Amino acid sequence: MVRAQQWADLEFDSFLVGLEGRTEVSRAKSEAKMQRIQASYYGDAAKSAGRAVKLGATAAILGGFGTMGMFGGGTPAGAGFAGWGRRVVS
């Protein structure tokens, strides 16, 4: 009877160890999946920020061309057009 109880206790302990191992594996897989999702989110955010920087730089460049007269703006000072950008001294 004592040996049967010892055997049952060993079996139960073995079962608990296996259960704890499976639980730990499941938790680790869930954590890894969450980290992949988070990495994907941060990657997408970085791409969006990069696009915004490029668009801002493009807008600044095109805005600069606009002030030079290329896209409907004025001409720079001293470009040789009468009255544009020249100071009249009396």
Protein backbone atom coordinates (compact mmCIF):
# COMPACT_ATOMS: atom_id res chain seq x y z
CA MET A 1 0.00 0.00 0.00
CA VAL A 2 2.84 2.42 0.84
CA ARG A 3 4.58 1.66 -2.45
CA ALA A 4 1.38 2.29 -4.40
CA GLN A 5 0.98 5.66 -2.69
CA GLN A 6 4.62 6.55 -3.45
CA TRP A 7 4.11 5.53 -7.07
CA ALA A 8 0.96 7.66 -7.32
CA ASP A 9 2.77 10.63 -5.77
CA LEU A 10 5.63 10.29 -8.28
CA GLU A 11 3.18 10.08 -11.17
CA PHE A 12 1.34 13.15 -9.92
CA ASP A 13 4.61 15.09 -9.47
CA SER A 14 5.63 14.10 -12.99
CA PHE A 15 2.27 15.29 -14.31
CA LEU A 16 2.66 18.66 -12.54
CA VAL A 17 6.17 19.16 -13.92
CA GLY A 18 4.90 18.46 -17.44
CA LEU A 19 1.96 20.80 -16.95
CA GLU A 20 4.22 23.59 -15.70
CA GLY A 21 6.51 23.08 -18.68
CA ARG A 22 3.64 23.28 -21.16
CA THR A 23 2.30 26.38 -19.43
CA GLU A 24 5.72 28.05 -19.60
CA VAL A 25 6.09 27.18 -23.29
CA SER A 26 2.63 28.59 -24.02
CA ARG A 27 3.46 31.81 -22.14
CA ALA A 28 6.75 32.19 -24.00
CA LYS A 29 5.03 31.71 -27.37
CA SER A 30 2.40 34.32 -26.48
CA GLU A 31 5.08 36.78 -25.41
CA ALA A 32 7.05 36.20 -28.61
CA LYS A 33 3.93 36.78 -30.70
CA MET A 34 3.24 40.03 -28.83
CA GLN A 35 6.80 41.19 -29.43
CA ARG A 36 6.49 40.46 -33.17
CA ILE A 37 3.27 42.46 -33.33
CA GLN A 38 4.90 45.33 -31.44
CA ALA A 39 7.95 45.25 -33.72
CA SER A 40 5.68 45.35 -36.76
CA TYR A 41 3.83 48.34 -35.31
CA TYR A 42 7.06 50.22 -34.61
CA GLY A 43 8.36 49.35 -38.08
CA ASP A 44 5.22 50.76 -39.67
CA ALA A 45 5.47 53.89 -37.51
CA ALA A 46 9.09 54.37 -38.56
CA LYS A 47 8.17 54.03 -42.24
CA SER A 48 5.41 56.61 -41.82
CA ALA A 49 7.79 59.00 -40.09
CA GLY A 50 10.30 58.54 -42.90
CA ARG A 51 7.66 59.29 -45.49
CA ALA A 52 6.62 62.42 -43.59
CA VAL A 53 10.21 63.65 -43.53
CA LYS A 54 10.58 63.08 -47.26
CA LEU A 55 7.30 64.86 -47.99
CA GLY A 56 8.31 67.77 -45.76
CA ALA A 57 11.66 68.07 -47.51
CA THR A 58 9.99 67.91 -50.92
CA ALA A 59 7.50 70.60 -49.91
CA ALA A 60 10.32 72.81 -48.65
CA ILE A 61 12.27 72.40 -51.88
CA LEU A 62 9.23 73.08 -54.06
CA GLY A 63 8.33 76.04 -51.87
CA GLY A 64 11.83 77.40 -52.43
CA PHE A 65 11.42 77.05 -56.18
CA GLY A 66 8.14 78.92 -55.92
CA THR A 67 9.88 81.95 -54.49
CA MET A 68 12.34 81.85 -57.39
CA GLY A 69 9.59 82.21 -59.96
CA MET A 70 9.49 78.65 -61.22
CA PHE A 71 6.00 77.80 -60.00
CA GLY A 72 4.15 81.08 -60.07
CA GLY A 73 6.20 82.95 -57.48
CA GLY A 74 8.30 86.09 -57.77
CA THR A 75 11.90 86.40 -58.92
CA PRO A 76 14.96 86.65 -56.73
CA ALA A 77 16.57 90.03 -56.08
CA GLY A 78 18.90 91.19 -58.80
CA ALA A 79 17.57 88.86 -61.48
CA GLY A 80 17.57 91.62 -64.05
CA PHE A 81 13.85 92.22 -64.41
CA ALA A 82 12.95 95.91 -64.07
CA GLY A 83 11.28 96.64 -60.78
CA TRP A 84 11.41 93.13 -59.38
CA GLY A 85 13.59 92.68 -56.39
CA ARG A 86 15.41 95.98 -56.90
CA ARG A 87 15.46 98.71 -54.45
CA VAL A 88 14.57 102.14 -55.75
CA VAL A 89 16.66 104.86 -54.17
CA SER A 90 15.47 108.44 -54.64
